[in-house]
Structure formats: C-alpha cells, structure tokens
C-alpha atoms as a PDB file:
ATOM      1  CA  UNK A   1       6.981 -15.959   4.659  1.00  0.00           C
ATOM      2  CA  UNK A   2      10.090 -16.849   2.967  1.00  0.00           C
ATOM      3  CA  UNK A   3       7.857 -18.801   0.369  1.00  0.00           C
ATOM      4  CA  UNK A   4       6.118 -15.785  -0.639  1.00  0.00           C
ATOM      5  CA  UNK A   5       9.027 -13.631  -0.923  1.00  0.00           C
ATOM      6  CA  UNK A   6      10.757 -16.068  -3.259  1.00  0.00           C
ATOM      7  CA  UNK A   7       7.873 -16.629  -5.410  1.00  0.00           C
ATOM      8  CA  UNK A   8       8.220 -17.287  -9.261  1.00  0.00           C
ATOM      9  CA  UNK A   9       6.892 -14.889 -11.528  1.00  0.00           C
ATOM     10  CA  UNK A  10       5.927 -14.217 -15.186  1.00  0.00           C
ATOM     11  CA  UNK A  11       7.949 -11.490 -16.737  1.00  0.00           C
ATOM     12  CA  UNK A  12       6.301  -8.084 -16.595  1.00  0.00           C
ATOM     13  CA  UNK A  13       5.021  -6.284 -19.674  1.00  0.00           C
ATOM     14  CA  UNK A  14       4.513  -2.809 -20.440  1.00  0.00           C
ATOM     15  CA  UNK A  15       1.152  -2.438 -21.986  1.00  0.00           C
ATOM     16  CA  UNK A  16       1.247   1.562 -22.530  1.00  0.00           C
ATOM     17  CA  UNK A  17       3.472   4.328 -21.948  1.00  0.00           C
ATOM     18  CA  UNK A  18       3.455   8.071 -22.908  1.00  0.00           C
ATOM     19  CA  UNK A  19       5.173  10.991 -21.793  1.00  0.00           C
ATOM     20  CA  UNK A  20       3.237  13.570 -19.629  1.00  0.00           C
ATOM     21  CA  UNK A  21       3.641  17.155 -19.083  1.00  0.00           C
ATOM     22  CA  UNK A  22       4.436  18.031 -15.579  1.00  0.00           C
ATOM     23  CA  UNK A  23       1.936  20.524 -13.990  1.00  0.00           C
ATOM     24  CA  UNK A  24       2.805  20.439 -10.308  1.00  0.00           C
ATOM     25  CA  UNK A  25       6.575  20.396 -10.479  1.00  0.00           C
ATOM     26  CA  UNK A  26       9.380  21.201 -13.325  1.00  0.00           C
ATOM     27  CA  UNK A  27       9.984  17.647 -14.310  1.00  0.00           C
ATOM     28  CA  UNK A  28       8.753  15.488 -16.928  1.00  0.00           C
ATOM     29  CA  UNK A  29       7.895  11.563 -16.388  1.00  0.00           C
ATOM     30  CA  UNK A  30       6.220   8.620 -18.079  1.00  0.00           C
ATOM     31  CA  UNK A  31       3.544   6.671 -17.053  1.00  0.00           C
ATOM     32  CA  UNK A  32       3.542   3.004 -17.559  1.00  0.00           C
ATOM     33  CA  UNK A  33       1.100   0.057 -17.069  1.00  0.00           C
ATOM     34  CA  UNK A  34       2.663  -3.114 -15.726  1.00  0.00           C
ATOM     35  CA  UNK A  35       1.103  -6.642 -15.683  1.00  0.00           C
ATOM     36  CA  UNK A  36       2.585  -9.113 -13.370  1.00  0.00           C
ATOM     37  CA  UNK A  37       1.569 -12.559 -12.182  1.00  0.00           C
ATOM     38  CA  UNK A  38       2.607 -14.087  -8.965  1.00  0.00           C
ATOM     39  CA  UNK A  39       2.669 -17.455  -9.981  1.00  0.00           C
ATOM     40  CA  UNK A  40       3.359 -18.988  -6.359  1.00  0.00           C
ATOM     41  CA  UNK A  41      -0.121 -17.585  -5.466  1.00  0.00           C
ATOM     42  CA  UNK A  42      -1.930 -17.482  -9.032  1.00  0.00           C
ATOM     43  CA  UNK A  43      -2.497 -13.986  -8.532  1.00  0.00           C
ATOM     44  CA  UNK A  44      -2.372 -11.083 -10.946  1.00  0.00           C
ATOM     45  CA  UNK A  45      -0.605  -7.757  -9.628  1.00  0.00           C
ATOM     46  CA  UNK A  46      -1.242  -5.083 -12.267  1.00  0.00           C
ATOM     47  CA  UNK A  47       0.347  -1.845 -11.452  1.00  0.00           C
ATOM     48  CA  UNK A  48       1.045   1.797 -12.841  1.00  0.00           C
ATOM     49  CA  UNK A  49       4.467   3.118 -12.820  1.00  0.00           C
ATOM     50  CA  UNK A  50       5.179   6.853 -12.621  1.00  0.00           C
ATOM     51  CA  UNK A  51       8.630   7.492 -13.473  1.00  0.00           C
ATOM     52  CA  UNK A  52      10.494  10.951 -13.552  1.00  0.00           C
ATOM     53  CA  UNK A  53      12.985  11.648 -16.312  1.00  0.00           C
ATOM     54  CA  UNK A  54      15.794  12.413 -13.711  1.00  0.00           C
ATOM     55  CA  UNK A  55      15.472   8.523 -12.778  1.00  0.00           C
ATOM     56  CA  UNK A  56      17.271   7.720 -15.947  1.00  0.00           C
ATOM     57  CA  UNK A  57      20.362   9.996 -14.996  1.00  0.00           C
ATOM     58  CA  UNK A  58      20.652   8.959 -11.332  1.00  0.00           C
ATOM     59  CA  UNK A  59      18.689   7.406  -8.194  1.00  0.00           C
ATOM     60  CA  UNK A  60      15.449   8.666  -6.942  1.00  0.00           C
ATOM     61  CA  UNK A  61      13.004   7.937  -4.098  1.00  0.00           C
ATOM     62  CA  UNK A  62      10.317   5.345  -4.731  1.00  0.00           C
ATOM     63  CA  UNK A  63       6.509   5.273  -3.159  1.00  0.00           C
ATOM     64  CA  UNK A  64       4.721   2.042  -3.463  1.00  0.00           C
ATOM     65  CA  UNK A  65       0.833   3.180  -3.410  1.00  0.00           C
ATOM     66  CA  UNK A  66      -1.993   0.787  -2.420  1.00  0.00           C
ATOM     67  CA  UNK A  67      -5.484   1.946  -3.328  1.00  0.00           C
ATOM     68  CA  UNK A  68      -8.571   1.985  -1.218  1.00  0.00           C
ATOM     69  CA  UNK A  69     -11.406  -0.804  -1.619  1.00  0.00           C
ATOM     70  CA  UNK A  70     -13.150  -0.818  -5.009  1.00  0.00           C
ATOM     71  CA  UNK A  71     -10.343   1.084  -6.385  1.00  0.00           C
ATOM     72  CA  UNK A  72      -7.774   0.420  -8.926  1.00  0.00           C
ATOM     73  CA  UNK A  73      -4.072   1.368 -10.229  1.00  0.00           C
ATOM     74  CA  UNK A  74      -5.547   4.305 -12.100  1.00  0.00           C
ATOM     75  CA  UNK A  75      -6.948   5.698  -9.024  1.00  0.00           C
ATOM     76  CA  UNK A  76      -5.087   8.333  -7.044  1.00  0.00           C
ATOM     77  CA  UNK A  77      -3.270   9.279 -10.195  1.00  0.00           C
ATOM     78  CA  UNK A  78      -2.978  12.792  -9.203  1.00  0.00           C
ATOM     79  CA  UNK A  79      -0.683  11.894  -6.482  1.00  0.00           C
ATOM     80  CA  UNK A  80       1.489  10.009  -8.860  1.00  0.00           C
ATOM     81  CA  UNK A  81       1.624  12.928 -11.339  1.00  0.00           C
ATOM     82  CA  UNK A  82       2.607  15.183  -8.537  1.00  0.00           C
ATOM     83  CA  UNK A  83       5.313  13.135  -6.871  1.00  0.00           C
ATOM     84  CA  UNK A  84       6.775  12.187 -10.337  1.00  0.00           C
ATOM     85  CA  UNK A  85       6.990  15.985 -11.283  1.00  0.00           C
ATOM     86  CA  UNK A  86       9.130  16.334  -8.382  1.00  0.00           C
ATOM     87  CA  UNK A  87      11.482  13.729  -9.196  1.00  0.00           C
ATOM     88  CA  UNK A  88       9.923  10.744  -6.999  1.00  0.00           C
ATOM     89  CA  UNK A  89       8.850   7.488  -8.639  1.00  0.00           C
ATOM     90  CA  UNK A  90       5.482   5.955  -7.470  1.00  0.00           C
ATOM     91  CA  UNK A  91       4.301   2.396  -8.439  1.00  0.00           C
ATOM     92  CA  UNK A  92       0.704   2.103  -7.963  1.00  0.00           C
ATOM     93  CA  UNK A  93      -0.726  -1.238  -7.267  1.00  0.00           C
ATOM     94  CA  UNK A  94      -4.027  -3.007  -8.434  1.00  0.00           C
ATOM     95  CA  UNK A  95      -5.444  -5.465  -5.922  1.00  0.00           C
ATOM     96  CA  UNK A  96      -7.444  -7.989  -7.889  1.00  0.00           C
ATOM     97  CA  UNK A  97      -9.301  -9.215  -4.882  1.00  0.00           C
ATOM     98  CA  UNK A  98     -10.437  -5.957  -3.895  1.00  0.00           C
ATOM     99  CA  UNK A  99     -10.451  -3.807  -6.712  1.00  0.00           C
ATOM    100  CA  UNK A 100     -12.973  -1.926  -8.956  1.00  0.00           C
ATOM    101  CA  UNK A 101     -14.174  -5.337 -10.018  1.00  0.00           C
ATOM    102  CA  UNK A 102     -16.168  -5.455  -6.818  1.00  0.00           C
ATOM    103  CA  UNK A 103     -18.727  -3.063  -8.347  1.00  0.00           C
ATOM    104  CA  UNK A 104     -19.530  -5.541 -11.161  1.00  0.00           C
ATOM    105  CA  UNK A 105     -22.141  -8.384 -10.943  1.00  0.00           C
ATOM    106  CA  UNK A 106     -25.515  -8.734  -9.307  1.00  0.00           C
ATOM    107  CA  UNK A 107     -26.491  -5.478  -7.105  1.00  0.00           C
ATOM    108  CA  UNK A 108     -27.907  -7.878  -4.342  1.00  0.00           C
ATOM    109  CA  UNK A 109     -24.705  -9.549  -3.419  1.00  0.00           C
ATOM    110  CA  UNK A 110     -22.732  -6.230  -3.906  1.00  0.00           C
ATOM    111  CA  UNK A 111     -22.501  -6.155   0.420  1.00  0.00           C
ATOM    112  CA  UNK A 112     -21.314  -9.441   0.491  1.00  0.00           C
ATOM    113  CA  UNK A 113     -18.579  -8.799  -1.937  1.00  0.00           C
ATOM    114  CA  UNK A 114     -17.455  -5.843  -0.123  1.00  0.00           C
ATOM    115  CA  UNK A 115     -17.339  -7.732   3.084  1.00  0.00           C
ATOM    116  CA  UNK A 116     -15.321 -10.651   1.888  1.00  0.00           C
ATOM    117  CA  UNK A 117     -12.885  -8.452   0.252  1.00  0.00           C
ATOM    118  CA  UNK A 118     -12.365  -6.452   3.458  1.00  0.00           C
ATOM    119  CA  UNK A 119     -11.875  -9.950   5.290  1.00  0.00           C
ATOM    120  CA  UNK A 120      -8.348 -11.294   6.796  1.00  0.00           C
ATOM    121  CA  UNK A 121      -7.495 -13.310   3.615  1.00  0.00           C
ATOM    122  CA  UNK A 122      -7.598 -10.408   1.397  1.00  0.00           C
ATOM    123  CA  UNK A 123      -5.845  -8.177   3.953  1.00  0.00           C
ATOM    124  CA  UNK A 124      -2.964 -10.518   3.567  1.00  0.00           C
ATOM    125  CA  UNK A 125      -2.965 -11.197   0.209  1.00  0.00           C
ATOM    126  CA  UNK A 126      -2.734  -7.246  -0.475  1.00  0.00           C
ATOM    127  CA  UNK A 127       0.456  -6.858   1.723  1.00  0.00           C
ATOM    128  CA  UNK A 128       2.103  -9.891  -0.482  1.00  0.00           C
ATOM    129  CA  UNK A 129       1.093  -7.976  -3.381  1.00  0.00           C
ATOM    130  CA  UNK A 130       3.234  -4.860  -2.260  1.00  0.00           C
ATOM    131  CA  UNK A 131       6.265  -6.823  -1.416  1.00  0.00           C
ATOM    132  CA  UNK A 132       5.904  -9.079  -4.580  1.00  0.00           C
ATOM    133  CA  UNK A 133       5.489  -5.755  -6.791  1.00  0.00           C
ATOM    134  CA  UNK A 134       8.477  -4.047  -4.920  1.00  0.00           C
ATOM    135  CA  UNK A 135      10.456  -7.168  -5.750  1.00  0.00           C
ATOM    136  CA  UNK A 136       9.766  -7.129  -9.355  1.00  0.00           C
ATOM    137  CA  UNK A 137      10.482  -3.369 -10.075  1.00  0.00           C
ATOM    138  CA  UNK A 138      13.753  -3.568  -8.016  1.00  0.00           C
ATOM    139  CA  UNK A 139      14.908  -6.791 -10.161  1.00  0.00           C
ATOM    140  CA  UNK A 140      14.271  -4.922 -13.369  1.00  0.00           C
ATOM    141  CA  UNK A 141      16.276  -2.673 -15.328  1.00  0.00           C
ATOM    142  CA  UNK A 142      14.661   0.334 -13.370  1.00  0.00           C
ATOM    143  CA  UNK A 143      15.985  -1.381 -10.069  1.00  0.00           C
ATOM    144  CA  UNK A 144      19.143   0.278 -10.445  1.00  0.00           C
ATOM    145  CA  UNK A 145      18.013   3.889 -10.574  1.00  0.00           C
ATOM    146  CA  UNK A 146      15.935   3.632  -7.196  1.00  0.00           C
ATOM    147  CA  UNK A 147      17.292   4.824  -4.134  1.00  0.00           C
ATOM    148  CA  UNK A 148      17.072   1.927  -1.631  1.00  0.00           C
ATOM    149  CA  UNK A 149      17.505   4.210   1.323  1.00  0.00           C
ATOM    150  CA  UNK A 150      14.392   6.078   0.341  1.00  0.00           C
ATOM    151  CA  UNK A 151      11.749   3.762  -0.431  1.00  0.00           C
ATOM    152  CA  UNK A 152       8.149   4.637   0.925  1.00  0.00           C
ATOM    153  CA  UNK A 153       4.759   3.037   1.426  1.00  0.00           C
ATOM    154  CA  UNK A 154       1.376   4.715   0.996  1.00  0.00           C
ATOM    155  CA  UNK A 155      -2.166   4.126   0.664  1.00  0.00           C
ATOM    156  CA  UNK A 156      -5.627   5.335   1.386  1.00  0.00           C
ATOM    157  CA  UNK A 157      -8.161   3.552   3.475  1.00  0.00           C
ATOM    158  CA  UNK A 158      -7.748  -0.200   2.885  1.00  0.00           C
ATOM    159  CA  UNK A 159      -4.297   0.731   1.238  1.00  0.00           C
ATOM    160  CA  UNK A 160      -3.493   2.311   4.419  1.00  0.00           C
ATOM    161  CA  UNK A 161      -4.202  -0.681   6.406  1.00  0.00           C
ATOM    162  CA  UNK A 162      -2.047  -2.585   3.892  1.00  0.00           C
ATOM    163  CA  UNK A 163       0.593  -0.088   4.399  1.00  0.00           C
ATOM    164  CA  UNK A 164       0.751  -0.377   7.955  1.00  0.00           C
ATOM    165  CA  UNK A 165       1.086  -4.187   7.881  1.00  0.00           C
ATOM    166  CA  UNK A 166       4.256  -3.825   5.476  1.00  0.00           C
ATOM    167  CA  UNK A 167       5.394  -1.152   7.839  1.00  0.00           C
ATOM    168  CA  UNK A 168       5.446  -3.315  11.067  1.00  0.00           C
ATOM    169  CA  UNK A 169       1.780  -4.056  12.340  1.00  0.00           C
ATOM    170  CA  UNK A 170       1.421  -7.326  14.142  1.00  0.00           C
ATOM    171  CA  UNK A 171      -2.219  -8.881  14.286  1.00  0.00           C
ATOM    172  CA  UNK A 172      -3.074 -12.096  16.589  1.00  0.00           C
ATOM    173  CA  UNK A 173      -5.243 -14.613  14.752  1.00  0.00           C
ATOM    174  CA  UNK A 174      -6.306 -18.006  15.942  1.00  0.00           C
ATOM    175  CA  UNK A 175      -3.365 -17.914  18.315  1.00  0.00           C
ATOM    176  CA  UNK A 176      -0.686 -16.890  15.591  1.00  0.00           C
ATOM    177  CA  UNK A 177       0.979 -13.710  15.301  1.00  0.00           C
ATOM    178  CA  UNK A 178       0.872 -12.412  11.773  1.00  0.00           C
ATOM    179  CA  UNK A 179       3.503  -9.876  10.614  1.00  0.00           C
ATOM    180  CA  UNK A 180       4.464  -8.962   7.225  1.00  0.00           C
ATOM    181  CA  UNK A 181       7.030  -6.228   7.615  1.00  0.00           C
ATOM    182  CA  UNK A 182       9.116  -5.104   4.681  1.00  0.00           C
ATOM    183  CA  UNK A 183      12.389  -3.924   6.025  1.00  0.00           C
ATOM    184  CA  UNK A 184      13.146  -2.082   2.706  1.00  0.00           C
ATOM    185  CA  UNK A 185      10.517   0.573   3.654  1.00  0.00           C
ATOM    186  CA  UNK A 186      11.861   3.593   5.377  1.00  0.00           C
ATOM    187  CA  UNK A 187       8.824   5.642   5.912  1.00  0.00           C
ATOM    188  CA  UNK A 188       5.029   5.361   5.403  1.00  0.00           C
ATOM    189  CA  UNK A 189       2.166   7.741   4.378  1.00  0.00           C
ATOM    190  CA  UNK A 190      -1.118   6.684   5.747  1.00  0.00           C
ATOM    191  CA  UNK A 191      -4.322   8.530   4.400  1.00  0.00           C
ATOM    192  CA  UNK A 192      -7.784   7.739   6.324  1.00  0.00           C
ATOM    193  CA  UNK A 193      -6.420   4.455   7.931  1.00  0.00           C
ATOM    194  CA  UNK A 194      -9.172   2.436   9.140  1.00  0.00           C
ATOM    195  CA  UNK A 195      -8.946   0.169  12.217  1.00  0.00           C
ATOM    196  CA  UNK A 196      -8.185  -3.308  12.674  1.00  0.00           C
ATOM    197  CA  UNK A 197     -11.636  -4.652  12.744  1.00  0.00           C
ATOM    198  CA  UNK A 198     -12.276  -6.873  15.906  1.00  0.00           C
ATOM    199  CA  UNK A 199      -9.343  -5.515  17.945  1.00  0.00           C
ATOM    200  CA  UNK A 200     -10.145  -2.914  20.950  1.00  0.00           C
ATOM    201  CA  UNK A 201      -6.332  -1.996  21.791  1.00  0.00           C
ATOM    202  CA  UNK A 202      -4.063  -1.135  18.711  1.00  0.00           C
ATOM    203  CA  UNK A 203      -1.139  -0.441  20.574  1.00  0.00           C
ATOM    204  CA  UNK A 204       0.053  -4.119  20.553  1.00  0.00           C
ATOM    205  CA  UNK A 205      -0.657  -3.977  16.787  1.00  0.00           C
ATOM    206  CA  UNK A 206       1.058  -0.719  16.097  1.00  0.00           C
ATOM    207  CA  UNK A 207       3.635   0.068  18.463  1.00  0.00           C
ATOM    208  CA  UNK A 208       6.416  -2.070  17.103  1.00  0.00           C
ATOM    209  CA  UNK A 209       6.428   0.024  13.757  1.00  0.00           C
ATOM    210  CA  UNK A 210       9.885   1.592  13.822  1.00  0.00           C
ATOM    211  CA  UNK A 211       9.677   4.056  10.658  1.00  0.00           C
ATOM    212  CA  UNK A 212       8.375   7.587  10.535  1.00  0.00           C
ATOM    213  CA  UNK A 213       4.707   7.680   9.626  1.00  0.00           C
ATOM    214  CA  UNK A 214       2.441  10.500   8.318  1.00  0.00           C
ATOM    215  CA  UNK A 215      -1.405  10.180   9.174  1.00  0.00           C
ATOM    216  CA  UNK A 216      -3.909  12.157   7.142  1.00  0.00           C
ATOM    217  CA  UNK A 217      -7.572  12.504   7.708  1.00  0.00           C
ATOM    218  CA  UNK A 218     -10.640  14.687   7.984  1.00  0.00           C
ATOM    219  CA  UNK A 219     -13.269  15.720  10.542  1.00  0.00           C
ATOM    220  CA  UNK A 220     -15.645  13.990   8.511  1.00  0.00           C
ATOM    221  CA  UNK A 221     -13.571  10.797   7.481  1.00  0.00           C
ATOM    222  CA  UNK A 222     -16.484   8.051   7.987  1.00  0.00           C
ATOM    223  CA  UNK A 223     -16.035   4.573   6.580  1.00  0.00           C
ATOM    224  CA  UNK A 224     -19.530   3.091   5.614  1.00  0.00           C
ATOM    225  CA  UNK A 225     -19.323  -0.526   4.590  1.00  0.00           C
ATOM    226  CA  UNK A 226     -21.594  -2.678   6.571  1.00  0.00           C
ATOM    227  CA  UNK A 227     -19.829  -4.598   9.266  1.00  0.00           C
ATOM    228  CA  UNK A 228     -16.337  -2.266   8.722  1.00  0.00           C
ATOM    229  CA  UNK A 229     -17.433   1.248   9.324  1.00  0.00           C
ATOM    230  CA  UNK A 230     -15.383   3.615  11.186  1.00  0.00           C
ATOM    231  CA  UNK A 231     -14.871   7.468  12.025  1.00  0.00           C
ATOM    232  CA  UNK A 232     -12.537   9.917  12.832  1.00  0.00           C
ATOM    233  CA  UNK A 233     -11.939   8.597  16.212  1.00  0.00           C
ATOM    234  CA  UNK A 234     -10.457   5.440  14.911  1.00  0.00           C
ATOM    235  CA  UNK A 235      -7.901   7.469  12.794  1.00  0.00           C
ATOM    236  CA  UNK A 236      -6.940   9.461  16.016  1.00  0.00           C
ATOM    237  CA  UNK A 237      -6.598   6.021  17.838  1.00  0.00           C
ATOM    238  CA  UNK A 238      -4.293   4.533  15.151  1.00  0.00           C
ATOM    239  CA  UNK A 239      -1.981   7.688  15.325  1.00  0.00           C
ATOM    240  CA  UNK A 240      -1.663   7.375  18.932  1.00  0.00           C
ATOM    241  CA  UNK A 241      -1.146   3.794  18.948  1.00  0.00           C
ATOM    242  CA  UNK A 242       1.640   3.744  16.037  1.00  0.00           C
ATOM    243  CA  UNK A 243       5.002   3.491  17.324  1.00  0.00           C
ATOM    244  CA  UNK A 244       8.419   4.937  15.178  1.00  0.00           C
ATOM    245  CA  UNK A 245      10.850   7.845  15.779  1.00  0.00           C
ATOM    246  CA  UNK A 246       8.616  10.314  14.449  1.00  0.00           C
ATOM    247  CA  UNK A 247       4.978  10.828  13.205  1.00  0.00           C
ATOM    248  CA  UNK A 248       2.706  13.656  12.371  1.00  0.00           C
ATOM    249  CA  UNK A 249      -1.143  14.067  11.783  1.00  0.00           C
ATOM    250  CA  UNK A 250      -3.186  16.449  10.108  1.00  0.00           C
ATOM    251  CA  UNK A 251      -6.900  16.616  10.142  1.00  0.00           C
ATOM    252  CA  UNK A 252      -8.821  18.659   7.787  1.00  0.00           C
ATOM    253  CA  UNK A 253     -11.618  20.724   8.724  1.00  0.00           C
ATOM    254  CA  UNK A 254     -13.591  19.520   5.561  1.00  0.00           C
ATOM    255  CA  UNK A 255     -13.961  16.442   3.188  1.00  0.00           C
ATOM    256  CA  UNK A 256     -15.472  13.176   3.422  1.00  0.00           C
ATOM    257  CA  UNK A 257     -13.658   9.854   3.479  1.00  0.00           C
ATOM    258  CA  UNK A 258     -13.650   9.997  -0.548  1.00  0.00           C
ATOM    259  CA  UNK A 259     -12.278  13.431  -1.035  1.00  0.00           C
ATOM    260  CA  UNK A 260      -8.681  12.006  -1.343  1.00  0.00           C
ATOM    261  CA  UNK A 261     -10.010   9.739  -4.186  1.00  0.00           C
ATOM    262  CA  UNK A 262     -10.455  10.905  -8.032  1.00  0.00           C
ATOM    263  CA  UNK A 263     -14.087  10.158  -7.659  1.00  0.00           C
ATOM    264  CA  UNK A 264     -16.068  13.218  -6.281  1.00  0.00           C
ATOM    265  CA  UNK A 265     -19.185  11.806  -4.498  1.00  0.00           C
ATOM    266  CA  UNK A 266     -19.521  14.028  -1.497  1.00  0.00           C
ATOM    267  CA  UNK A 267     -17.312  16.948  -1.594  1.00  0.00           C
ATOM    268  CA  UNK A 268     -17.486  20.225  -3.425  1.00  0.00           C
ATOM    269  CA  UNK A 269     -15.177  20.986  -6.373  1.00  0.00           C
ATOM    270  CA  UNK A 270     -13.370  23.574  -3.999  1.00  0.00           C
ATOM    271  CA  UNK A 271     -12.908  21.267  -0.832  1.00  0.00           C
ATOM    272  CA  UNK A 272     -11.843  18.529  -3.000  1.00  0.00           C
ATOM    273  CA  UNK A 273      -9.134  20.546  -4.940  1.00  0.00           C
ATOM    274  CA  UNK A 274      -8.041  22.159  -1.612  1.00  0.00           C
ATOM    275  CA  UNK A 275      -7.525  19.012   0.114  1.00  0.00           C
ATOM    276  CA  UNK A 276      -5.929  17.052  -2.567  1.00  0.00           C
ATOM    277  CA  UNK A 277      -3.397  20.076  -3.270  1.00  0.00           C
ATOM    278  CA  UNK A 278      -2.810  20.558   0.379  1.00  0.00           C
ATOM    279  CA  UNK A 279      -1.907  16.733   0.651  1.00  0.00           C
ATOM    280  CA  UNK A 280       0.211  16.757  -2.153  1.00  0.00           C
ATOM    281  CA  UNK A 281       2.257  19.247  -0.719  1.00  0.00           C
ATOM    282  CA  UNK A 282       2.146  17.655   2.708  1.00  0.00           C
ATOM    283  CA  UNK A 283       3.375  14.436   1.344  1.00  0.00           C
ATOM    284  CA  UNK A 284       6.520  16.127  -0.287  1.00  0.00           C
ATOM    285  CA  UNK A 285       7.242  17.974   2.777  1.00  0.00           C
ATOM    286  CA  UNK A 286       7.079  14.915   5.026  1.00  0.00           C
ATOM    287  CA  UNK A 287       9.575  13.261   2.816  1.00  0.00           C
ATOM    288  CA  UNK A 288      11.706  16.190   2.791  1.00  0.00           C
ATOM    289  CA  UNK A 289      11.807  16.251   6.553  1.00  0.00           C
ATOM    290  CA  UNK A 290      12.305  12.635   6.907  1.00  0.00           C
ATOM    291  CA  UNK A 291      15.229  12.264   4.257  1.00  0.00           C
ATOM    292  CA  UNK A 292      17.249  15.185   5.819  1.00  0.00           C
ATOM    293  CA  UNK A 293      15.693  18.682   5.070  1.00  0.00           C
ATOM    294  CA  UNK A 294      14.708  20.050   8.591  1.00  0.00           C
ATOM    295  CA  UNK A 295      11.611  21.931   9.218  1.00  0.00           C
ATOM    296  CA  UNK A 296       9.656  21.536   5.949  1.00  0.00           C
ATOM    297  CA  UNK A 297       6.726  20.381   7.504  1.00  0.00           C
ATOM    298  CA  UNK A 298       6.548  23.589   9.826  1.00  0.00           C
ATOM    299  CA  UNK A 299       6.567  25.510   6.485  1.00  0.00           C
ATOM    300  CA  UNK A 300       3.659  23.201   5.136  1.00  0.00           C
ATOM    301  CA  UNK A 301       1.623  23.936   8.574  1.00  0.00           C
ATOM    302  CA  UNK A 302       1.955  27.641   8.246  1.00  0.00           C
ATOM    303  CA  UNK A 303       0.837  27.706   4.556  1.00  0.00           C
ATOM    304  CA  UNK A 304      -2.169  25.621   5.234  1.00  0.00           C
ATOM    305  CA  UNK A 305      -3.309  26.379   8.700  1.00  0.00           C
ATOM    306  CA  UNK A 306      -6.726  27.448   7.787  1.00  0.00           C
ATOM    307  CA  UNK A 307      -7.882  24.284   6.184  1.00  0.00           C
ATOM    308  CA  UNK A 308      -7.010  21.672   9.378  1.00  0.00           C
ATOM    309  CA  UNK A 309      -8.668  21.416  12.673  1.00  0.00           C
ATOM    310  CA  UNK A 310      -5.668  19.804  14.223  1.00  0.00           C
ATOM    311  CA  UNK A 311      -2.089  19.260  13.363  1.00  0.00           C
ATOM    312  CA  UNK A 312       0.333  17.149  15.744  1.00  0.00           C
ATOM    313  CA  UNK A 313       4.144  15.996  15.516  1.00  0.00           C
ATOM    314  CA  UNK A 314       5.409  13.614  17.769  1.00  0.00           C
ATOM    315  CA  UNK A 315       9.030  12.229  18.196  1.00  0.00           C
END
C-alpha cells in the first residue's frame, strides 16, 4: 500500500481550459483537462477538473468522480457542471484500462475486452487511480483551496465499485484481504453500485465502511455485461450491507442503468432529464446534510416524491 501512495509521478499539464456559464447555480467555473502519469505503475491517469471561481477566494469541497466501464473523463459532465456552479470542485477521472477505448478494435473480441476490464486487476488499478489523482491535486497549487474535511468520492456503476473500495470495502482474494481505504474521504455517493462478483455475503465486505453514503438506483437498473450482470436486488443488498453513521437510498420509478450517463440509449428525454435533475439536487442535499445543514434531504424527498418508488434513510 505504501508503495503506491508514494509513487513518483510526471508533472501534470493542463491541456484545455475555458470559462463556462453556470446554468444550475449562480457561480461561474472553469473546466480543465489534466494529463498525469503514475510512473510507479506506468499508467496514465487523465482527469477533468471542474473548478468554481469561489475556490480562488477560499476553500471549497471536492468530489472525486469515477466513471462506469467504457466511459471517460468527459462522461457525467452534467454533474461536474452542476456541482461547480454550486461552489463544489470535482475531479473526474479516466481509468485507461476500462475507459472508452474498450469500444475500439475487433467487434468479435468486445465481450472479452469488457470481461477483462471488469476483473480484479483493473478494479484494483482504478482505486489506485483515485488516490493517486487526489494526491496530485492536493499537492498542486490548487490544493490549498480544497477543504480537506469535505472530500467526497462518487461514481456510477464500475465507478461506484471503485468508490466503495476507496471508502473502506474489504475483499478477500486467494487468502489475502484487499483493502484500499483512503482516509481523506468523508462521504461517498454511489450511483448504480454493482455487486462484488463471486461474493454472496456483502456484509463482511461493506460493514466496515465508516463514512456517510448515498445510494442511487432505479427499478430497472440492470447491468448487462456477460458474466457480470446484476439488477436492482444487488443495489439493495449493497445498501443494506454498507456500514457508516448515516446512509440514504433513493430508487427512481423509471430509468435504465444508463439513465445517469450522458448517452441516452434506452430512456426517453423526459425520463433522462427528470432523473438527472433530481440526482443533481439529491447529491447536493446529501452533502449539505452531511456537512452540517440538517434536513436538506427531507426537503428533497418531498419535492421529488413522485419520481421514486422507495426512499430510505438509516442512521
């Protein structure tokens, strides 16, 4: 563990940066693409940083976001824009072993590429990416503007699995206990979290998580990768098994597994817009409540009650 935490790195380089008018909140922000390399692992770790203007005048919370399989750092940008427009910085990672490059190449080897990317080796590499990127950002000039007591991990699908590992999930493999908890994380947002494949009892894996968690899913949240399929029942099992001082679960009535992405395959524009908009507000209400403003989740629940089939809070 200490080896990868102290890995030597190449300098980060900003390859694009532009001002964006905030549409969701009142604050303006910039978007910057970063190119990092963890030389200890010989692995690129690209990232996209959404940086609110208020960060240059004080300290802001930070969300480190991990994408689902086959996506990239420019996926889920609607969340980055929303958070930044409300004064929250977010760092969207790109995991090079399970990113959009999986779609390239011979179509007949597509399934095997996805199965390999969903395996243990890449799952471990992804959580290393998260802590490495957080190291780099905190060590940069922007690091002094990040509130160290309000750092959050978030992710969708495979990214939610990455988030769970960084939050403290423990997995036994070949007689060895694998754990990659990053103690800097104070909360986690888990969208469409997949199961730990090959495991039947999630409690030993997830009960040791000690930070607040938000779980988001839909009634038709089905992962369809050969050998790695799962449905809503797995999201509910993960919620039940996860430890921590506070956790909340929201299950929308409509929406496929991909409804949370920016590529609309199986959902109407109306459903996709409703789910994304509600999820933006839900994530903000969760963070507000975790970091000191009481009952913000209750207000969100009342406003969006017609959209979900189940909403649960447990302390």
